[in-house]
């Protein structure tokens, strides 16, 4: 098991790493729309926050030579299930035809009061 920390990804807001590598699987910690430079939540719409969240996931994966096509499973945590269509529009665009398994859950509150948080599992 190997803890992964990637330069350019937002710092963790708790006692966890960006990802854990176990065998040929990478478990990426939940990411939100945090600007890595300012450490602040960015975007007021679900679309803006979903884009930034995928930017952060992409940086972590790229740090290990991977990209979104390596993802086999995602879990999406939405503050409001009414944002599903907006999130899904960005999600579909970012995956560009790749369709990993997915769960989408409505939660009362995400860290930093983000509209969306996404965690994923990728294969190396």
Protein backbone atom coordinates (compact mmCIF):
# COMPACT_ATOMS: atom_id res chain seq x y z
CA UNK A 1 0.00 0.00 0.00
CA UNK A 2 1.36 3.43 -0.96
CA UNK A 3 0.07 6.87 0.02
CA UNK A 4 0.06 9.27 -2.94
CA UNK A 5 0.56 13.02 -2.66
CA UNK A 6 0.58 15.00 -5.90
CA UNK A 7 2.08 18.47 -6.31
CA UNK A 8 -0.49 20.83 -7.82
CA UNK A 9 -3.51 19.11 -6.28
CA UNK A 10 -5.41 20.84 -3.46
CA UNK A 11 -4.06 20.10 -0.01
CA UNK A 12 -6.16 17.69 2.01
CA UNK A 13 -8.41 19.44 4.53
CA UNK A 14 -7.99 16.55 6.95
CA UNK A 15 -5.67 13.67 7.86
CA UNK A 16 -5.71 11.88 4.52
CA UNK A 17 -3.71 11.61 1.30
CA UNK A 18 -4.71 12.42 -2.28
CA UNK A 19 -4.89 8.72 -3.11
CA UNK A 20 -3.83 5.26 -2.03
CA UNK A 21 -2.24 2.82 -4.46
CA UNK A 22 -2.95 -0.83 -3.70
CA UNK A 23 -1.73 -3.28 -6.32
CA UNK A 24 -2.91 -1.94 -9.66
CA UNK A 25 -5.78 0.08 -8.14
CA UNK A 26 -5.73 3.74 -7.13
CA UNK A 27 -8.32 5.00 -4.65
CA UNK A 28 -8.64 8.78 -5.06
CA UNK A 29 -9.93 10.64 -2.00
CA UNK A 30 -13.05 12.75 -2.39
CA UNK A 31 -12.31 15.94 -4.30
CA UNK A 32 -14.31 19.16 -4.33
CA UNK A 33 -14.06 22.41 -6.29
CA UNK A 34 -11.06 23.73 -4.38
CA UNK A 35 -8.61 25.97 -6.20
CA UNK A 36 -5.18 24.47 -5.36
CA UNK A 37 -3.50 27.90 -5.30
CA UNK A 38 -5.98 29.75 -3.08
CA UNK A 39 -7.31 26.71 -1.15
CA UNK A 40 -10.77 28.23 -1.53
CA UNK A 41 -13.92 26.74 -2.99
CA UNK A 42 -14.55 28.12 -6.50
CA UNK A 43 -17.68 28.43 -8.59
CA UNK A 44 -21.23 29.12 -7.52
CA UNK A 45 -22.97 26.75 -9.95
CA UNK A 46 -22.97 22.96 -10.00
CA UNK A 47 -21.39 23.05 -13.47
CA UNK A 48 -18.48 25.26 -12.36
CA UNK A 49 -17.88 23.19 -9.24
CA UNK A 50 -18.06 19.89 -11.11
CA UNK A 51 -15.51 21.17 -13.68
CA UNK A 52 -13.06 22.20 -10.92
CA UNK A 53 -13.60 18.91 -9.11
CA UNK A 54 -12.66 17.01 -12.28
CA UNK A 55 -9.66 19.30 -12.76
CA UNK A 56 -8.44 18.28 -9.30
CA UNK A 57 -9.06 14.57 -9.93
CA UNK A 58 -7.22 14.87 -13.27
CA UNK A 59 -4.16 16.43 -11.59
CA UNK A 60 -4.00 13.58 -9.08
CA UNK A 61 -4.35 10.92 -11.77
CA UNK A 62 -1.82 12.65 -14.04
CA UNK A 63 0.67 12.60 -11.18
CA UNK A 64 0.60 8.82 -11.51
CA UNK A 65 0.57 8.73 -15.31
CA UNK A 66 -3.20 8.13 -15.50
CA UNK A 67 -6.24 10.01 -16.77
CA UNK A 68 -10.03 9.85 -16.50
CA UNK A 69 -10.14 6.86 -18.88
CA UNK A 70 -8.44 4.80 -16.14
CA UNK A 71 -11.35 5.32 -13.74
CA UNK A 72 -13.45 2.22 -13.13
CA UNK A 73 -15.82 3.58 -10.43
CA UNK A 74 -16.92 6.96 -9.10
CA UNK A 75 -19.04 8.03 -6.19
CA UNK A 76 -20.64 11.46 -6.51
CA UNK A 77 -21.89 13.26 -3.41
CA UNK A 78 -24.38 16.03 -4.23
CA UNK A 79 -25.58 18.60 -1.72
CA UNK A 80 -28.86 18.81 -3.66
CA UNK A 81 -30.15 16.07 -5.96
CA UNK A 82 -31.79 18.84 -8.01
CA UNK A 83 -28.23 19.52 -9.26
CA UNK A 84 -28.00 16.03 -10.79
CA UNK A 85 -28.62 17.13 -14.40
CA UNK A 86 -26.06 19.96 -14.26
CA UNK A 87 -23.44 17.68 -12.69
CA UNK A 88 -24.26 14.89 -15.13
CA UNK A 89 -23.82 17.18 -18.14
CA UNK A 90 -20.26 18.05 -17.09
CA UNK A 91 -19.56 14.47 -15.99
CA UNK A 92 -20.55 13.07 -19.39
CA UNK A 93 -18.47 15.70 -21.22
CA UNK A 94 -15.38 15.09 -19.11
CA UNK A 95 -15.52 11.31 -19.58
CA UNK A 96 -16.02 11.69 -23.35
CA UNK A 97 -17.73 8.35 -23.97
CA UNK A 98 -16.01 6.45 -21.13
CA UNK A 99 -18.68 5.18 -18.71
CA UNK A 100 -17.26 3.96 -15.40
CA UNK A 101 -19.57 2.45 -12.80
CA UNK A 102 -21.09 5.20 -10.64
CA UNK A 103 -23.12 5.86 -7.53
CA UNK A 104 -24.66 9.26 -6.85
CA UNK A 105 -25.73 10.14 -3.35
CA UNK A 106 -27.44 13.19 -1.89
CA UNK A 107 -25.80 14.35 1.33
CA UNK A 108 -26.84 17.02 3.79
CA UNK A 109 -23.51 18.86 3.62
CA UNK A 110 -20.13 18.35 1.95
CA UNK A 111 -16.85 19.70 3.35
CA UNK A 112 -16.51 23.46 2.74
CA UNK A 113 -20.24 23.38 1.87
CA UNK A 114 -19.37 22.28 -1.68
CA UNK A 115 -22.20 21.48 -4.07
CA UNK A 116 -20.39 18.33 -5.22
CA UNK A 117 -17.64 15.98 -4.10
CA UNK A 118 -16.36 13.07 -6.19
CA UNK A 119 -14.19 10.11 -5.21
CA UNK A 120 -13.02 7.46 -7.61
CA UNK A 121 -11.17 4.21 -8.15
CA UNK A 122 -8.79 3.94 -11.10
CA UNK A 123 -6.81 1.06 -12.57
CA UNK A 124 -3.17 1.43 -13.49
